[in-house]
N, C-alpha and C. Protein backbone atom coordinates (compact mmCIF):
# COMPACT_ATOMS: atom_id res chain seq x y z
N MET A 1 -40.46 -57.80 109.00
CA MET A 1 -39.87 -58.64 108.65
C MET A 1 -38.58 -57.40 108.27
N GLY A 2 -37.22 -57.61 108.79
CA GLY A 2 -36.05 -56.50 108.45
C GLY A 2 -35.42 -56.70 106.89
N THR A 3 -35.30 -56.08 105.95
CA THR A 3 -34.38 -56.47 104.80
C THR A 3 -33.09 -55.82 105.09
N ILE A 4 -32.26 -56.47 105.07
CA ILE A 4 -30.94 -56.27 104.44
C ILE A 4 -30.43 -56.57 103.08
N SER A 5 -29.68 -55.63 102.49
CA SER A 5 -28.98 -55.94 100.82
C SER A 5 -27.28 -55.05 100.88
N GLU A 6 -26.46 -55.94 101.03
CA GLU A 6 -25.22 -55.80 100.71
C GLU A 6 -24.50 -56.27 99.63
N PHE A 7 -22.83 -55.45 98.86
CA PHE A 7 -22.06 -56.21 98.26
C PHE A 7 -21.01 -55.97 98.82
N VAL A 8 -20.26 -56.70 98.17
CA VAL A 8 -18.45 -57.12 97.58
C VAL A 8 -17.85 -57.03 96.76
N ASP A 9 -17.30 -56.88 96.15
CA ASP A 9 -16.38 -56.75 95.19
C ASP A 9 -15.19 -58.18 95.65
N VAL A 10 -15.07 -59.07 94.85
CA VAL A 10 -14.10 -60.33 95.39
C VAL A 10 -13.10 -60.16 94.12
N ASP A 11 -12.11 -60.31 94.12
CA ASP A 11 -10.39 -60.51 93.14
C ASP A 11 -10.45 -61.96 93.02
N VAL A 12 -11.57 -62.38 92.77
CA VAL A 12 -11.51 -64.12 92.19
C VAL A 12 -12.95 -63.81 90.64
N PRO A 13 -12.45 -64.96 89.93
CA PRO A 13 -13.11 -65.31 88.88
C PRO A 13 -14.65 -65.19 89.43
N LEU A 14 -15.95 -65.64 88.84
CA LEU A 14 -17.01 -65.64 89.30
C LEU A 14 -17.22 -66.79 89.46
N HIS A 15 -16.41 -68.01 88.91
CA HIS A 15 -16.71 -69.64 89.65
C HIS A 15 -16.30 -69.92 90.70
N THR A 16 -15.41 -69.00 91.07
CA THR A 16 -14.32 -69.47 91.91
C THR A 16 -15.15 -68.41 92.91
N ALA A 17 -15.59 -67.83 93.44
CA ALA A 17 -16.56 -66.89 94.07
C ALA A 17 -18.05 -67.50 94.33
N TYR A 18 -18.69 -68.31 93.12
CA TYR A 18 -19.88 -69.37 94.00
C TYR A 18 -19.56 -70.54 94.19
N ASN A 19 -18.49 -71.30 93.42
CA ASN A 19 -17.67 -72.67 94.10
C ASN A 19 -17.80 -72.37 95.32
N GLN A 20 -16.63 -72.01 95.86
CA GLN A 20 -16.33 -71.25 97.50
C GLN A 20 -17.93 -71.14 98.50
N TRP A 21 -19.43 -70.46 98.14
CA TRP A 21 -20.13 -69.90 98.24
C TRP A 21 -21.15 -71.26 98.25
N THR A 22 -20.77 -72.32 97.90
CA THR A 22 -21.70 -73.75 98.15
C THR A 22 -20.80 -74.50 99.20
N GLN A 23 -19.87 -73.82 99.54
CA GLN A 23 -19.19 -74.72 100.29
C GLN A 23 -20.06 -74.44 101.86
N PHE A 24 -20.77 -74.75 102.27
CA PHE A 24 -21.71 -74.22 103.35
C PHE A 24 -21.12 -74.63 105.01
N GLU A 25 -20.64 -75.49 104.83
CA GLU A 25 -20.17 -75.98 106.39
C GLU A 25 -18.64 -75.31 106.35
N GLU A 26 -18.24 -73.80 105.46
CA GLU A 26 -16.86 -73.42 105.82
C GLU A 26 -17.51 -71.92 106.30
N PHE A 27 -18.62 -71.85 106.51
CA PHE A 27 -19.19 -70.36 106.61
C PHE A 27 -18.73 -69.84 108.14
N PRO A 28 -18.75 -71.03 108.55
CA PRO A 28 -18.03 -70.11 110.73
C PRO A 28 -16.92 -69.84 110.16
N GLN A 29 -15.91 -69.73 108.86
CA GLN A 29 -14.77 -69.40 108.65
C GLN A 29 -14.65 -67.78 108.67
N PHE A 30 -16.25 -67.75 107.94
CA PHE A 30 -15.89 -65.87 107.69
C PHE A 30 -17.63 -65.39 108.28
N MET A 31 -18.30 -66.31 108.82
CA MET A 31 -19.59 -65.54 109.54
C MET A 31 -19.18 -65.48 110.68
N GLU A 32 -19.32 -64.32 111.48
CA GLU A 32 -19.06 -63.59 112.75
C GLU A 32 -20.54 -64.38 113.42
N GLY A 33 -20.87 -65.56 114.21
CA GLY A 33 -21.87 -65.79 115.31
C GLY A 33 -22.59 -67.31 114.76
N VAL A 34 -21.41 -67.40 113.56
CA VAL A 34 -22.08 -68.78 112.89
C VAL A 34 -21.25 -69.61 113.46
N GLU A 35 -21.62 -70.65 114.35
CA GLU A 35 -20.63 -71.84 115.08
C GLU A 35 -20.79 -73.51 114.30
N GLN A 36 -21.28 -73.50 113.89
CA GLN A 36 -21.39 -75.07 112.82
C GLN A 36 -22.79 -74.68 111.94
N VAL A 37 -22.31 -75.30 110.35
CA VAL A 37 -23.05 -75.22 109.58
C VAL A 37 -22.84 -76.79 108.98
N THR A 38 -24.10 -77.60 109.13
CA THR A 38 -24.34 -78.99 109.11
C THR A 38 -24.93 -79.33 107.22
N GLN A 39 -24.23 -79.81 106.14
CA GLN A 39 -25.06 -80.32 105.11
C GLN A 39 -25.57 -81.74 105.22
N VAL A 40 -26.95 -81.32 105.64
CA VAL A 40 -27.50 -82.29 105.60
C VAL A 40 -27.71 -83.25 104.03
N ASP A 41 -28.21 -82.26 103.09
CA ASP A 41 -28.21 -83.13 101.75
C ASP A 41 -27.91 -82.29 100.96
N ASP A 42 -28.18 -82.24 99.34
CA ASP A 42 -28.22 -80.96 98.42
C ASP A 42 -28.89 -79.83 98.47
N LEU A 43 -30.38 -79.65 99.40
CA LEU A 43 -30.74 -79.09 99.80
C LEU A 43 -30.70 -78.69 101.20
N HIS A 44 -30.67 -79.01 101.54
CA HIS A 44 -30.95 -78.41 103.51
C HIS A 44 -29.57 -78.58 104.54
N ASN A 45 -29.10 -77.52 104.97
CA ASN A 45 -28.09 -77.24 106.10
C ASN A 45 -29.19 -77.03 107.39
N HIS A 46 -28.09 -77.65 108.59
CA HIS A 46 -28.57 -76.98 109.64
C HIS A 46 -27.47 -76.37 110.46
N TRP A 47 -28.08 -75.44 110.98
CA TRP A 47 -27.21 -74.05 111.40
C TRP A 47 -27.13 -74.18 112.97
N VAL A 48 -26.23 -73.83 113.56
CA VAL A 48 -25.44 -73.36 114.99
C VAL A 48 -25.39 -72.11 115.10
N THR A 49 -25.87 -71.09 115.69
CA THR A 49 -25.25 -69.83 115.78
C THR A 49 -25.10 -69.40 116.90
N ASN A 50 -24.58 -68.67 117.66
CA ASN A 50 -24.43 -67.74 118.45
C ASN A 50 -24.23 -66.57 119.12
N VAL A 51 -25.67 -65.06 119.13
CA VAL A 51 -24.99 -64.26 118.34
C VAL A 51 -25.89 -63.69 119.84
N ALA A 52 -24.73 -62.32 120.50
CA ALA A 52 -24.88 -61.80 121.52
C ALA A 52 -25.50 -62.42 122.68
N GLY A 53 -24.57 -64.22 123.08
CA GLY A 53 -24.75 -64.40 123.95
C GLY A 53 -26.21 -65.55 123.51
N SER A 54 -27.29 -65.67 122.57
CA SER A 54 -28.49 -66.44 122.46
C SER A 54 -27.86 -67.33 121.31
N ARG A 55 -27.43 -68.63 121.66
CA ARG A 55 -27.42 -69.40 120.91
C ARG A 55 -28.71 -70.02 120.48
N ARG A 56 -28.58 -70.32 119.02
CA ARG A 56 -29.88 -70.84 118.13
C ARG A 56 -29.78 -71.68 117.13
N GLU A 57 -30.63 -72.62 116.55
CA GLU A 57 -30.57 -73.67 115.90
C GLU A 57 -31.74 -73.59 115.19
N PHE A 58 -31.40 -73.67 113.44
CA PHE A 58 -32.58 -74.20 112.80
C PHE A 58 -31.85 -74.50 111.91
N ASP A 59 -33.03 -75.16 110.44
CA ASP A 59 -32.63 -75.74 109.30
C ASP A 59 -33.24 -74.90 108.48
N THR A 60 -32.03 -74.45 107.09
CA THR A 60 -32.70 -74.40 106.41
C THR A 60 -32.82 -75.39 104.64
N GLU A 61 -33.72 -74.76 103.91
CA GLU A 61 -33.79 -75.40 102.31
C GLU A 61 -33.14 -74.43 101.19
N ILE A 62 -32.43 -74.55 100.61
CA ILE A 62 -31.61 -74.10 99.11
C ILE A 62 -33.15 -74.28 98.17
N VAL A 63 -34.01 -73.15 97.76
CA VAL A 63 -34.95 -73.44 97.31
C VAL A 63 -34.86 -73.06 95.28
N ASP A 64 -33.93 -71.91 95.02
CA ASP A 64 -33.25 -71.71 93.79
C ASP A 64 -31.60 -71.62 93.50
N GLN A 65 -31.07 -72.79 92.92
CA GLN A 65 -29.66 -72.48 93.09
C GLN A 65 -29.33 -72.65 91.61
N LEU A 66 -28.34 -71.66 90.83
CA LEU A 66 -28.04 -71.52 89.74
C LEU A 66 -26.95 -71.51 89.14
N PRO A 67 -25.91 -71.89 89.16
CA PRO A 67 -24.42 -72.19 89.39
C PRO A 67 -24.32 -70.98 87.95
N ASP A 68 -22.96 -70.53 89.26
CA ASP A 68 -21.91 -69.26 88.90
C ASP A 68 -23.51 -67.78 88.90
N GLU A 69 -25.05 -67.94 89.36
CA GLU A 69 -25.54 -66.61 89.37
C GLU A 69 -26.29 -66.58 89.96
N ARG A 70 -27.13 -67.95 91.47
CA ARG A 70 -27.67 -67.12 92.76
C ARG A 70 -27.47 -68.82 93.10
N VAL A 71 -28.35 -68.34 94.53
CA VAL A 71 -28.12 -69.29 95.48
C VAL A 71 -29.45 -68.60 96.76
N ALA A 72 -30.50 -69.22 96.62
CA ALA A 72 -31.73 -68.48 97.55
C ALA A 72 -32.44 -69.70 98.62
N TRP A 73 -32.82 -69.21 99.77
CA TRP A 73 -32.68 -69.90 100.70
C TRP A 73 -34.22 -69.66 101.19
N ARG A 74 -34.29 -70.08 102.10
CA ARG A 74 -35.31 -69.90 103.30
C ARG A 74 -35.09 -70.94 104.50
N THR A 75 -35.53 -70.83 105.54
CA THR A 75 -35.37 -71.36 107.13
C THR A 75 -37.14 -72.15 107.23
N LEU A 76 -36.81 -73.61 107.48
CA LEU A 76 -37.74 -74.37 107.69
C LEU A 76 -38.17 -74.46 108.72
N SER A 77 -37.36 -74.50 110.12
CA SER A 77 -37.51 -75.19 111.14
C SER A 77 -36.85 -74.04 111.97
N GLY A 78 -37.16 -73.90 113.58
CA GLY A 78 -35.75 -73.49 114.90
C GLY A 78 -36.77 -72.09 114.96
N ASP A 79 -35.86 -70.98 115.56
CA ASP A 79 -37.03 -69.83 116.08
C ASP A 79 -36.42 -68.66 115.02
N VAL A 80 -35.62 -68.58 113.64
CA VAL A 80 -34.99 -67.90 113.11
C VAL A 80 -35.84 -68.34 112.03
N ARG A 81 -36.20 -66.84 111.55
CA ARG A 81 -37.07 -66.88 110.43
C ARG A 81 -36.23 -65.87 109.33
N GLN A 82 -35.83 -66.29 108.20
CA GLN A 82 -35.75 -65.53 107.51
C GLN A 82 -35.61 -66.09 105.96
N ARG A 83 -35.48 -65.61 104.55
CA ARG A 83 -35.20 -66.22 103.40
C ARG A 83 -34.56 -65.06 103.05
N GLY A 84 -33.63 -65.74 101.79
CA GLY A 84 -32.34 -64.62 101.11
C GLY A 84 -32.11 -65.53 100.10
N VAL A 85 -31.14 -64.55 99.30
CA VAL A 85 -30.87 -64.91 97.92
C VAL A 85 -29.17 -64.09 97.90
N VAL A 86 -27.93 -64.58 97.51
CA VAL A 86 -27.00 -64.43 97.15
C VAL A 86 -26.57 -64.80 95.29
N THR A 87 -26.37 -63.09 94.78
CA THR A 87 -26.33 -63.30 93.42
C THR A 87 -24.65 -63.00 93.53
N PHE A 88 -24.38 -63.45 92.28
CA PHE A 88 -22.83 -63.14 91.60
C PHE A 88 -23.14 -62.83 90.50
N GLN A 89 -21.86 -61.93 89.89
CA GLN A 89 -22.39 -60.55 88.52
C GLN A 89 -21.20 -60.93 88.79
N ARG A 90 -20.19 -60.95 87.45
CA ARG A 90 -18.92 -61.16 86.74
C ARG A 90 -18.66 -59.63 86.58
N LEU A 91 -17.74 -58.89 87.24
CA LEU A 91 -17.11 -57.73 86.95
C LEU A 91 -15.98 -57.54 85.44
N ASP A 92 -15.45 -58.90 85.38
CA ASP A 92 -14.66 -58.62 84.70
C ASP A 92 -14.21 -59.93 84.87
N ARG A 93 -12.68 -60.89 83.98
CA ARG A 93 -12.19 -62.01 84.14
C ARG A 93 -12.05 -62.66 84.86
N THR A 94 -11.62 -61.53 86.16
CA THR A 94 -11.00 -62.15 87.41
C THR A 94 -11.33 -60.93 89.01
N HIS A 95 -12.97 -60.51 88.55
CA HIS A 95 -13.43 -59.59 89.53
C HIS A 95 -14.91 -60.07 89.52
N THR A 96 -15.44 -60.45 90.86
CA THR A 96 -16.49 -60.63 90.74
C THR A 96 -17.89 -59.98 91.98
N ARG A 97 -18.47 -59.37 91.59
CA ARG A 97 -19.33 -58.92 92.93
C ARG A 97 -20.41 -60.03 93.32
N VAL A 98 -20.30 -60.00 94.56
CA VAL A 98 -21.29 -60.50 95.36
C VAL A 98 -22.37 -60.11 95.88
N ASN A 99 -23.61 -59.99 95.77
CA ASN A 99 -24.77 -59.39 96.09
C ASN A 99 -25.67 -60.26 97.49
N LEU A 100 -25.73 -59.77 98.20
CA LEU A 100 -26.68 -60.79 99.24
C LEU A 100 -27.72 -59.60 100.05
N ALA A 101 -29.00 -60.15 99.51
CA ALA A 101 -30.07 -59.90 100.20
C ALA A 101 -30.84 -60.89 100.92
N MET A 102 -31.48 -60.26 102.45
CA MET A 102 -32.00 -60.93 102.99
C MET A 102 -33.50 -60.78 103.83
N GLU A 103 -34.04 -61.05 104.16
CA GLU A 103 -35.22 -60.90 105.14
C GLU A 103 -35.54 -61.87 106.31
N VAL A 104 -35.47 -61.11 107.57
CA VAL A 104 -34.87 -61.66 108.59
C VAL A 104 -36.23 -60.84 109.60
N GLU A 105 -36.85 -61.90 110.22
CA GLU A 105 -37.87 -61.71 111.19
C GLU A 105 -37.17 -61.66 112.20
N THR A 106 -37.47 -60.52 112.80
CA THR A 106 -36.68 -60.53 114.25
C THR A 106 -37.82 -61.01 115.26
N SER A 107 -37.28 -61.83 116.44
CA SER A 107 -38.27 -61.53 117.63
C SER A 107 -37.31 -61.26 119.07
N GLY A 108 -38.39 -60.91 119.82
CA GLY A 108 -37.66 -60.50 121.31
C GLY A 108 -37.69 -58.87 121.17
N LEU A 109 -37.64 -58.16 122.09
CA LEU A 109 -36.64 -57.03 122.09
C LEU A 109 -35.32 -56.61 121.51
N ALA A 110 -34.72 -57.65 122.34
CA ALA A 110 -33.01 -57.29 121.79
C ALA A 110 -32.96 -57.36 120.40
N GLU A 111 -33.55 -58.23 119.86
CA GLU A 111 -33.41 -58.45 118.50
C GLU A 111 -33.83 -57.19 117.65
N LYS A 112 -35.41 -56.68 117.92
CA LYS A 112 -35.26 -55.48 117.02
C LYS A 112 -34.78 -54.23 117.30
N ALA A 113 -34.41 -54.40 118.29
CA ALA A 113 -33.42 -52.67 118.64
C ALA A 113 -32.05 -53.08 118.22
N ALA A 114 -31.88 -54.28 117.92
CA ALA A 114 -29.83 -55.16 117.10
C ALA A 114 -31.06 -53.99 115.79
N ASP A 115 -31.81 -54.59 115.13
CA ASP A 115 -32.05 -54.37 113.65
C ASP A 115 -32.72 -53.03 113.17
N ALA A 116 -33.68 -52.38 114.62
CA ALA A 116 -33.52 -50.73 114.63
C ALA A 116 -32.36 -49.90 114.42
N LEU A 117 -31.30 -50.41 114.81
CA LEU A 117 -29.99 -50.18 115.35
C LEU A 117 -29.05 -50.05 114.43
N GLY A 118 -29.34 -51.03 113.33
CA GLY A 118 -28.73 -51.41 111.97
C GLY A 118 -27.09 -52.50 112.36
N VAL A 119 -27.41 -53.06 113.72
CA VAL A 119 -26.56 -54.23 113.80
C VAL A 119 -26.31 -55.36 113.29
N LEU A 120 -27.59 -55.62 112.27
CA LEU A 120 -27.96 -56.84 111.40
C LEU A 120 -27.16 -56.25 110.01
N ASP A 121 -27.43 -55.42 109.60
CA ASP A 121 -26.56 -54.69 108.46
C ASP A 121 -24.93 -54.82 108.24
N ARG A 122 -24.59 -54.05 109.77
CA ARG A 122 -23.73 -54.02 109.74
C ARG A 122 -22.56 -55.60 109.66
N ARG A 123 -23.52 -56.34 110.78
CA ARG A 123 -23.12 -57.55 110.56
C ARG A 123 -23.26 -58.75 109.28
N THR A 124 -23.65 -58.27 107.89
CA THR A 124 -24.08 -58.49 107.44
C THR A 124 -22.52 -58.34 106.32
N ARG A 125 -22.80 -56.94 106.09
CA ARG A 125 -21.16 -56.15 105.88
C ARG A 125 -19.93 -56.83 106.38
N GLY A 126 -20.11 -57.31 107.43
CA GLY A 126 -18.61 -57.38 108.00
C GLY A 126 -18.32 -59.22 107.20
N ASP A 127 -19.98 -59.90 107.66
CA ASP A 127 -19.57 -61.24 106.77
C ASP A 127 -18.94 -61.35 105.45
N LEU A 128 -19.65 -60.25 104.76
CA LEU A 128 -19.20 -60.47 103.08
C LEU A 128 -17.59 -59.98 103.44
N ARG A 129 -17.46 -58.84 103.98
CA ARG A 129 -15.65 -58.39 104.06
C ARG A 129 -15.01 -59.66 104.19
N ARG A 130 -15.29 -60.09 105.18
CA ARG A 130 -14.58 -62.10 105.91
C ARG A 130 -14.53 -62.71 105.00
N PHE A 131 -15.54 -63.20 103.92
CA PHE A 131 -15.82 -63.89 102.97
C PHE A 131 -14.66 -63.49 101.36
N LYS A 132 -14.49 -62.11 101.92
CA LYS A 132 -13.35 -61.21 100.18
C LYS A 132 -12.31 -62.03 100.80
N ASP A 133 -11.77 -61.60 102.51
CA ASP A 133 -10.61 -61.90 103.01
C ASP A 133 -10.29 -63.50 102.68
N TYR A 134 -11.16 -64.25 102.58
CA TYR A 134 -11.27 -65.62 103.15
C TYR A 134 -10.70 -66.23 101.46
N ILE A 135 -11.65 -66.09 100.33
CA ILE A 135 -11.74 -66.30 99.45
C ILE A 135 -10.09 -65.84 98.34
N GLU A 136 -9.80 -64.50 98.86
CA GLU A 136 -8.77 -64.04 97.79
C GLU A 136 -7.88 -64.60 98.92
N GLU A 137 -7.86 -64.42 99.94
CA GLU A 137 -6.08 -65.52 100.61
C GLU A 137 -5.80 -66.29 99.78
N ARG A 138 -7.04 -67.40 100.09
CA ARG A 138 -7.10 -68.76 99.53
C ARG A 138 -6.76 -68.81 98.13
N GLY A 139 -7.16 -67.44 96.52
CA GLY A 139 -6.99 -67.52 95.84
C GLY A 139 -7.67 -68.68 94.55
N SER A 140 -8.20 -69.86 95.78
CA SER A 140 -9.35 -70.64 94.91
C SER A 140 -10.14 -71.04 95.69
N GLU A 141 -11.17 -72.19 95.18
CA GLU A 141 -12.35 -72.62 95.71
C GLU A 141 -11.91 -74.03 96.67
N SER A 142 -12.18 -74.51 97.90
CA SER A 142 -11.92 -75.18 98.54
C SER A 142 -12.95 -76.44 97.91
N GLY A 143 -13.95 -76.11 97.11
CA GLY A 143 -14.94 -77.12 96.55
C GLY A 143 -16.29 -76.37 95.69
N GLY A 144 -16.96 -77.52 95.45
CA GLY A 144 -18.33 -76.69 94.57
C GLY A 144 -18.97 -77.82 94.57
N TRP A 145 -20.54 -77.16 94.78
CA TRP A 145 -21.47 -77.77 94.00
C TRP A 145 -22.11 -77.28 93.34
N ARG A 146 -22.43 -77.63 92.01
CA ARG A 146 -22.66 -77.13 91.09
C ARG A 146 -23.93 -77.56 90.58
N GLY A 147 -24.53 -78.14 91.30
CA GLY A 147 -26.39 -78.65 91.03
C GLY A 147 -27.28 -77.45 90.90
N ARG A 148 -28.30 -77.99 89.90
CA ARG A 148 -29.16 -76.68 89.93
C ARG A 148 -30.79 -77.42 90.69
N VAL A 149 -30.88 -76.18 91.29
CA VAL A 149 -32.41 -76.78 92.19
C VAL A 149 -33.33 -75.46 91.40
N ALA A 150 -34.12 -76.12 90.84
CA ALA A 150 -35.15 -74.83 90.44
C ALA A 150 -36.23 -74.65 91.15
N PRO A 151 -36.68 -73.18 91.10
CA PRO A 151 -37.63 -73.06 92.04
C PRO A 151 -39.22 -74.23 92.19
N GLY A 152 -39.81 -74.20 92.67
CA GLY A 152 -40.53 -75.21 93.01
C GLY A 152 -40.17 -76.40 92.93
N GLY A 153 -39.23 -76.77 92.53
CA GLY A 153 -38.73 -78.56 91.86
C GLY A 153 -38.55 -79.22 93.14
């Protein structure tokens, strides 16, 4: 399983960055290769991705969510295996660090080669930069879900 760890500092308050991140259906606006995210309920999302001509569908579950602090998830079904957490750190009143850590199980020769060459790291870094541009251009979140999901709950 490959591990990815990246961060970006955004010029918005912590609650703004966190609230926007909880708007999963807007991920295609800034995540390369993500065609669609459908929020099934408060805990579950269905993803459609297309990376290098490989179309994948999979389901994820939020396993830990604490407003203004973190959102953790894992895949439940499909041929994508990953788990991760995004955390939010207040730098000052108007700046936030967004940290993303994921474990991704690659399958197939092409994916394993891409992982070995650092393609997943670069893509994640790019997604975070696009999130930065997206939220800073907006200046405010488009919505937010501030519910608590406790691990094992």
